[in-house]
C-alpha atoms as a PDB file:
ATOM      1  CA  MET A   1     -22.840  22.539 -41.320  1.00  0.00           C
ATOM      2  CA  GLU A   2     -23.388  22.420 -37.552  1.00  0.00           C
ATOM      3  CA  LYS A   3     -19.831  22.753 -35.909  1.00  0.00           C
ATOM      4  CA  MET A   4     -19.894  19.740 -32.822  1.00  0.00           C
ATOM      5  CA  PRO A   5     -19.544  21.617 -29.328  1.00  0.00           C
ATOM      6  CA  PRO A   6     -15.533  21.138 -27.883  1.00  0.00           C
ATOM      7  CA  VAL A   7     -14.796  18.518 -25.531  1.00  0.00           C
ATOM      8  CA  GLU A   8     -15.102  20.180 -22.202  1.00  0.00           C
ATOM      9  CA  MET A   9     -19.356  21.545 -23.399  1.00  0.00           C
ATOM     10  CA  ILE A  10     -19.686  17.704 -23.323  1.00  0.00           C
ATOM     11  CA  ASP A  11     -23.350  17.402 -21.332  1.00  0.00           C
ATOM     12  CA  ASN A  12     -22.864  16.283 -17.684  1.00  0.00           C
ATOM     13  CA  ASP A  13     -25.560  13.536 -18.496  1.00  0.00           C
ATOM     14  CA  GLU A  14     -23.233  12.148 -20.750  1.00  0.00           C
ATOM     15  CA  LYS A  15     -20.112  12.196 -19.078  1.00  0.00           C
ATOM     16  CA  GLU A  16     -22.375  10.640 -15.915  1.00  0.00           C
ATOM     17  CA  GLU A  17     -23.142   7.782 -17.841  1.00  0.00           C
ATOM     18  CA  LYS A  18     -19.947   7.032 -19.603  1.00  0.00           C
ATOM     19  CA  ALA A  19     -18.095   6.808 -16.292  1.00  0.00           C
ATOM     20  CA  PHE A  20     -20.778   4.599 -15.408  1.00  0.00           C
ATOM     21  CA  HIS A  21     -20.802   2.279 -17.836  1.00  0.00           C
ATOM     22  CA  ASP A  22     -16.914   2.062 -17.867  1.00  0.00           C
ATOM     23  CA  TYR A  23     -17.093   1.554 -14.140  1.00  0.00           C
ATOM     24  CA  MET A  24     -19.791  -1.355 -14.496  1.00  0.00           C
ATOM     25  CA  LYS A  25     -17.492  -3.142 -17.255  1.00  0.00           C
ATOM     26  CA  ASP A  26     -14.282  -2.672 -15.452  1.00  0.00           C
ATOM     27  CA  PHE A  27     -15.617  -3.866 -12.048  1.00  0.00           C
ATOM     28  CA  SER A  28     -18.129  -6.793 -12.911  1.00  0.00           C
ATOM     29  CA  LEU A  29     -21.087  -4.833 -11.098  1.00  0.00           C
ATOM     30  CA  ASN A  30     -24.581  -5.620 -11.034  1.00  0.00           C
ATOM     31  CA  GLU A  31     -28.032  -3.220  -9.852  1.00  0.00           C
ATOM     32  CA  GLU A  32     -27.839  -4.606  -6.134  1.00  0.00           C
ATOM     33  CA  ASP A  33     -23.795  -3.755  -5.678  1.00  0.00           C
ATOM     34  CA  LEU A  34     -25.566   0.150  -6.742  1.00  0.00           C
ATOM     35  CA  ARG A  35     -28.250   0.024  -3.897  1.00  0.00           C
ATOM     36  CA  LYS A  36     -25.359  -0.566  -1.204  1.00  0.00           C
ATOM     37  CA  PRO A  37     -23.274   1.657   1.052  1.00  0.00           C
ATOM     38  CA  LEU A  38     -20.868   2.451  -1.849  1.00  0.00           C
ATOM     39  CA  LEU A  39     -17.519   4.293  -2.091  1.00  0.00           C
ATOM     40  CA  ASP A  40     -15.492   5.196  -5.003  1.00  0.00           C
ATOM     41  CA  VAL A  41     -12.054   6.425  -4.175  1.00  0.00           C
ATOM     42  CA  GLY A  42     -10.220   8.682  -6.320  1.00  0.00           C
ATOM     43  CA  ALA A  43     -13.428   9.601  -8.149  1.00  0.00           C
ATOM     44  CA  GLY A  44     -11.784  12.357 -10.051  1.00  0.00           C
ATOM     45  CA  SER A  45     -14.862  14.478 -11.335  1.00  0.00           C
ATOM     46  CA  GLY A  46     -17.344  12.149  -9.238  1.00  0.00           C
ATOM     47  CA  ASN A  47     -19.762  11.555 -12.362  1.00  0.00           C
ATOM     48  CA  PHE A  48     -19.898   7.314 -11.378  1.00  0.00           C
ATOM     49  CA  ILE A  49     -20.986   8.406  -7.852  1.00  0.00           C
ATOM     50  CA  LYS A  50     -23.176  11.032  -9.135  1.00  0.00           C
ATOM     51  CA  TYR A  51     -24.727   8.958 -11.808  1.00  0.00           C
ATOM     52  CA  VAL A  52     -25.371   6.285  -8.782  1.00  0.00           C
ATOM     53  CA  ARG A  53     -26.625   8.607  -6.361  1.00  0.00           C
ATOM     54  CA  ASN A  54     -28.797  10.783  -8.946  1.00  0.00           C
ATOM     55  CA  LYS A  55     -30.359   7.120 -11.222  1.00  0.00           C
ATOM     56  CA  PHE A  56     -30.087   4.785  -8.146  1.00  0.00           C
ATOM     57  CA  GLY A  57     -31.336   6.991  -5.461  1.00  0.00           C
ATOM     58  CA  ASN A  58     -28.491   6.085  -3.348  1.00  0.00           C
ATOM     59  CA  SER A  59     -27.659   8.239  -0.857  1.00  0.00           C
ATOM     60  CA  ASN A  60     -25.227   5.985   1.066  1.00  0.00           C
ATOM     61  CA  ALA A  61     -22.313   6.545  -2.583  1.00  0.00           C
ATOM     62  CA  TYR A  62     -19.828   8.773  -1.560  1.00  0.00           C
ATOM     63  CA  GLY A  63     -16.577   9.945  -3.688  1.00  0.00           C
ATOM     64  CA  VAL A  64     -13.565  10.783  -2.613  1.00  0.00           C
ATOM     65  CA  GLU A  65     -10.571  13.046  -4.711  1.00  0.00           C
ATOM     66  CA  LYS A  66      -8.101  14.880  -3.245  1.00  0.00           C
ATOM     67  CA  GLU A  67      -8.043  17.320  -5.604  1.00  0.00           C
ATOM     68  CA  LYS A  68     -10.920  19.611  -5.359  1.00  0.00           C
ATOM     69  CA  PHE A  69     -11.014  21.635  -8.685  1.00  0.00           C
ATOM     70  CA  ARG A  70     -11.468  18.201 -10.242  1.00  0.00           C
ATOM     71  CA  LEU A  71     -15.154  18.022  -8.544  1.00  0.00           C
ATOM     72  CA  GLY A  72     -16.441  20.783 -10.271  1.00  0.00           C
ATOM     73  CA  ASP A  73     -19.911  22.660  -9.022  1.00  0.00           C
ATOM     74  CA  ASP A  74     -22.150  20.110  -8.371  1.00  0.00           C
ATOM     75  CA  SER A  75     -20.165  17.782  -5.348  1.00  0.00           C
ATOM     76  CA  ASP A  76     -23.442  15.711  -4.160  1.00  0.00           C
ATOM     77  CA  GLY A  77     -21.801  12.755  -2.217  1.00  0.00           C
ATOM     78  CA  MET A  78     -18.227  14.180  -2.811  1.00  0.00           C
ATOM     79  CA  VAL A  79     -15.861  14.827  -0.466  1.00  0.00           C
ATOM     80  CA  VAL A  80     -12.177  15.774  -0.318  1.00  0.00           C
ATOM     81  CA  ALA A  81     -10.216  13.989   1.015  1.00  0.00           C
ATOM     82  CA  ASP A  82      -6.837  12.083   0.883  1.00  0.00           C
ATOM     83  CA  GLY A  83      -7.317   8.417   0.275  1.00  0.00           C
ATOM     84  CA  PHE A  84      -4.075   7.451   3.271  1.00  0.00           C
ATOM     85  CA  ASP A  85      -7.029   8.852   5.370  1.00  0.00           C
ATOM     86  CA  LEU A  86     -10.211   8.364   4.730  1.00  0.00           C
ATOM     87  CA  PRO A  87     -13.015  10.382   6.847  1.00  0.00           C
ATOM     88  CA  PHE A  88     -15.257   7.429   7.457  1.00  0.00           C
ATOM     89  CA  ALA A  89     -15.654   5.009   9.872  1.00  0.00           C
ATOM     90  CA  ASP A  90     -14.433   1.462  10.558  1.00  0.00           C
ATOM     91  CA  ASN A  91     -16.689  -0.860   8.428  1.00  0.00           C
ATOM     92  CA  THR A  92     -18.921   1.557   6.530  1.00  0.00           C
ATOM     93  CA  PHE A  93     -18.769   0.560   3.065  1.00  0.00           C
ATOM     94  CA  GLU A  94     -20.689  -2.847   1.365  1.00  0.00           C
ATOM     95  CA  ILE A  95     -18.209  -2.068  -1.660  1.00  0.00           C
ATOM     96  CA  VAL A  96     -15.403   0.092  -2.381  1.00  0.00           C
ATOM     97  CA  VAL A  97     -14.034   0.882  -5.519  1.00  0.00           C
ATOM     98  CA  SER A  98     -10.898   3.102  -7.232  1.00  0.00           C
ATOM     99  CA  ARG A  99     -10.570   3.112 -10.966  1.00  0.00           C
ATOM    100  CA  ASN A 100      -6.673   4.034 -11.629  1.00  0.00           C
ATOM    101  CA  PHE A 101      -6.280   5.304  -8.548  1.00  0.00           C
ATOM    102  CA  LEU A 102      -4.331   2.110  -6.469  1.00  0.00           C
ATOM    103  CA  PRO A 103      -0.529   2.572  -6.312  1.00  0.00           C
ATOM    104  CA  MET A 104       0.045   0.411  -9.518  1.00  0.00           C
ATOM    105  CA  PHE A 105       3.316   1.539 -11.227  1.00  0.00           C
ATOM    106  CA  THR A 106       5.147   2.394  -7.468  1.00  0.00           C
ATOM    107  CA  ASP A 107       7.635  -0.275  -6.159  1.00  0.00           C
ATOM    108  CA  ASP A 108       7.313   1.650  -2.620  1.00  0.00           C
ATOM    109  CA  ILE A 109       5.604  -1.235  -1.185  1.00  0.00           C
ATOM    110  CA  GLY A 110       4.453   0.489   1.979  1.00  0.00           C
ATOM    111  CA  GLU A 111       2.485   2.911  -0.170  1.00  0.00           C
ATOM    112  CA  SER A 112       0.350  -0.084  -1.618  1.00  0.00           C
ATOM    113  CA  ARG A 113      -0.184  -1.790   1.767  1.00  0.00           C
ATOM    114  CA  ALA A 114      -0.922   1.812   3.076  1.00  0.00           C
ATOM    115  CA  ILE A 115      -3.772   2.540   0.609  1.00  0.00           C
ATOM    116  CA  ILE A 116      -4.638  -1.094   0.586  1.00  0.00           C
ATOM    117  CA  ASN A 117      -5.290  -1.142   4.257  1.00  0.00           C
ATOM    118  CA  GLU A 118      -7.125   2.083   4.303  1.00  0.00           C
ATOM    119  CA  LEU A 119      -9.672   0.755   2.179  1.00  0.00           C
ATOM    120  CA  ILE A 120      -9.996  -2.633   3.626  1.00  0.00           C
ATOM    121  CA  ARG A 121     -10.967  -0.566   7.121  1.00  0.00           C
ATOM    122  CA  VAL A 122     -13.723   1.686   5.795  1.00  0.00           C
ATOM    123  CA  THR A 123     -15.032  -2.241   4.113  1.00  0.00           C
ATOM    124  CA  LYS A 124     -17.438  -3.600   5.732  1.00  0.00           C
ATOM    125  CA  ALA A 125     -16.969  -7.713   7.027  1.00  0.00           C
ATOM    126  CA  GLY A 126     -18.117  -9.216   4.385  1.00  0.00           C
ATOM    127  CA  GLY A 127     -18.389  -6.378   1.628  1.00  0.00           C
ATOM    128  CA  LYS A 128     -15.218  -6.090  -1.161  1.00  0.00           C
ATOM    129  CA  ILE A 129     -12.622  -3.830  -2.524  1.00  0.00           C
ATOM    130  CA  ILE A 130     -12.363  -3.819  -6.712  1.00  0.00           C
ATOM    131  CA  GLY A 131      -9.786  -1.863  -8.485  1.00  0.00           C
ATOM    132  CA  ASN A 132      -7.379  -2.156 -11.444  1.00  0.00           C
ATOM    133  CA  ILE A 133      -4.169  -2.738 -10.519  1.00  0.00           C
ATOM    134  CA  SER A 134      -1.090  -3.820 -13.249  1.00  0.00           C
ATOM    135  CA  THR A 135       0.709  -7.118 -13.136  1.00  0.00           C
ATOM    136  CA  PRO A 136       4.230  -8.628 -13.758  1.00  0.00           C
ATOM    137  CA  LYS A 137       3.143 -10.604 -17.060  1.00  0.00           C
ATOM    138  CA  ILE A 138       1.089  -6.539 -18.164  1.00  0.00           C
ATOM    139  CA  GLU A 139       4.742  -4.742 -17.389  1.00  0.00           C
ATOM    140  CA  ILE A 140       6.387  -7.094 -19.848  1.00  0.00           C
ATOM    141  CA  GLU A 141       4.176  -7.014 -21.956  1.00  0.00           C
ATOM    142  CA  GLU A 142       3.797  -3.321 -21.945  1.00  0.00           C
ATOM    143  CA  SER A 143       7.614  -2.858 -22.773  1.00  0.00           C
ATOM    144  CA  LYS A 144       7.377  -5.320 -25.645  1.00  0.00           C
ATOM    145  CA  GLU A 145       5.942  -2.772 -27.330  1.00  0.00           C
ATOM    146  CA  GLU A 146       7.376  -1.399 -29.953  1.00  0.00           C
ATOM    147  CA  ILE A 147       7.245   2.194 -29.589  1.00  0.00           C
ATOM    148  CA  TYR A 148       9.336   1.285 -26.148  1.00  0.00           C
ATOM    149  CA  ASN A 149      11.808  -0.185 -27.797  1.00  0.00           C
ATOM    150  CA  GLY A 150      15.999  -0.340 -27.438  1.00  0.00           C
ATOM    151  CA  SER A 151      15.341   3.337 -25.301  1.00  0.00           C
ATOM    152  CA  SER A 152      17.170   2.685 -21.798  1.00  0.00           C
ATOM    153  CA  SER A 153      14.991   5.406 -20.092  1.00  0.00           C
ATOM    154  CA  PHE A 154      11.531   3.304 -20.684  1.00  0.00           C
ATOM    155  CA  ASP A 155      14.219   0.040 -19.514  1.00  0.00           C
ATOM    156  CA  LYS A 156      14.273   1.883 -16.368  1.00  0.00           C
ATOM    157  CA  PHE A 157      10.470   2.869 -16.232  1.00  0.00           C
ATOM    158  CA  PHE A 158       8.959  -0.232 -16.664  1.00  0.00           C
ATOM    159  CA  LYS A 159      11.505  -2.532 -14.562  1.00  0.00           C
ATOM    160  CA  GLU A 160      10.595  -0.262 -11.433  1.00  0.00           C
ATOM    161  CA  ARG A 161       7.575  -0.712 -12.627  1.00  0.00           C
ATOM    162  CA  HIS A 162       7.425  -4.319 -13.185  1.00  0.00           C
ATOM    163  CA  ASP A 163       9.115  -4.688  -9.896  1.00  0.00           C
ATOM    164  CA  GLY A 164       6.120  -2.590  -7.932  1.00  0.00           C
ATOM    165  CA  ALA A 165       3.951  -5.150  -9.758  1.00  0.00           C
ATOM    166  CA  VAL A 166       5.562  -8.287  -8.314  1.00  0.00           C
ATOM    167  CA  LYS A 167       5.559  -6.266  -4.702  1.00  0.00           C
ATOM    168  CA  ILE A 168       1.484  -5.894  -5.305  1.00  0.00           C
ATOM    169  CA  GLN A 169       1.023  -9.278  -6.290  1.00  0.00           C
ATOM    170  CA  SER A 170       3.039 -11.042  -3.029  1.00  0.00           C
ATOM    171  CA  PHE A 171       0.549  -8.633  -0.665  1.00  0.00           C
ATOM    172  CA  LEU A 172      -2.253 -10.046  -2.340  1.00  0.00           C
ATOM    173  CA  GLU A 173      -0.808 -13.432  -2.110  1.00  0.00           C
ATOM    174  CA  GLU A 174      -0.589 -11.952   1.707  1.00  0.00           C
ATOM    175  CA  LEU A 175      -3.892 -10.738   2.235  1.00  0.00           C
ATOM    176  CA  LYS A 176      -5.012 -14.407   1.220  1.00  0.00           C
ATOM    177  CA  ASN A 177      -2.956 -16.451   3.397  1.00  0.00           C
ATOM    178  CA  ASP A 178      -5.141 -14.066   6.184  1.00  0.00           C
ATOM    179  CA  GLY A 179      -8.275 -15.026   5.044  1.00  0.00           C
ATOM    180  CA  TYR A 180      -9.514 -12.695   2.351  1.00  0.00           C
ATOM    181  CA  VAL A 181     -10.674 -14.003  -0.883  1.00  0.00           C
ATOM    182  CA  VAL A 182      -8.546 -12.426  -3.679  1.00  0.00           C
ATOM    183  CA  ASP A 183      -9.915 -12.696  -7.295  1.00  0.00           C
ATOM    184  CA  GLN A 184      -8.037 -11.193 -10.100  1.00  0.00           C
ATOM    185  CA  LYS A 185      -8.871 -11.014 -13.631  1.00  0.00           C
ATOM    186  CA  GLU A 186      -7.020  -9.578 -16.893  1.00  0.00           C
ATOM    187  CA  TYR A 187      -8.188  -8.451 -20.299  1.00  0.00           C
ATOM    188  CA  ASP A 188      -7.240  -6.286 -22.852  1.00  0.00           C
ATOM    189  CA  HIS A 189      -3.673  -4.640 -20.862  1.00  0.00           C
ATOM    190  CA  LYS A 190      -5.763  -4.575 -17.934  1.00  0.00           C
ATOM    191  CA  ALA A 191      -5.968  -6.063 -14.453  1.00  0.00           C
ATOM    192  CA  ILE A 192      -9.056  -6.107 -12.101  1.00  0.00           C
ATOM    193  CA  VAL A 193      -8.666  -6.920  -8.444  1.00  0.00           C
ATOM    194  CA  THR A 194     -11.294  -8.154  -5.885  1.00  0.00           C
ATOM    195  CA  ILE A 195     -10.557  -8.480  -2.683  1.00  0.00           C
ATOM    196  CA  HIS A 196     -13.562  -9.879  -0.200  1.00  0.00           C
ATOM    197  CA  LYS A 197     -13.163  -9.335   3.148  1.00  0.00           C
ATOM    198  CA  PRO A 198     -14.094 -11.961   5.750  1.00  0.00           C
END
């Protein structure tokens, strides 16, 4: 009987394709979006960007990752940088995505504002920012899971996450008042927010 290769030996093409499908599903992207100037912040190994550059020929697709070791040998289109200080000019990208990077669980609203404002800065007028966040409802549901019941340390943990989610919602309301269109959808304990820059 033939042994299966360990997970780290899975073909890079497969990893890139899986990342691509995950992003497409979560962020409701279409082929037209993938041909526009596109940025992925907190891109990890950059599999999504590598796939977009290779399969769609989009040389204006870039990924940002703070930790250089995550990038591996093939770093085409990847930039080592901090999401708080992106090395791109104002109004560069039409689509900015951020999967599992936005400060979902912090109650430090200053950090949340700084990151989201930096993504807004590099987005063109008429462009959009898409990312996953947490919401108060999701945090309440998560805290009720049986495995967390009765633990005071988890009560504190979820209170902080809930407080952070409330503050993010308040900031998104401020953006709406400033003329941004903010759409939010929830499914499978996920919340996807899309911020349309006026």
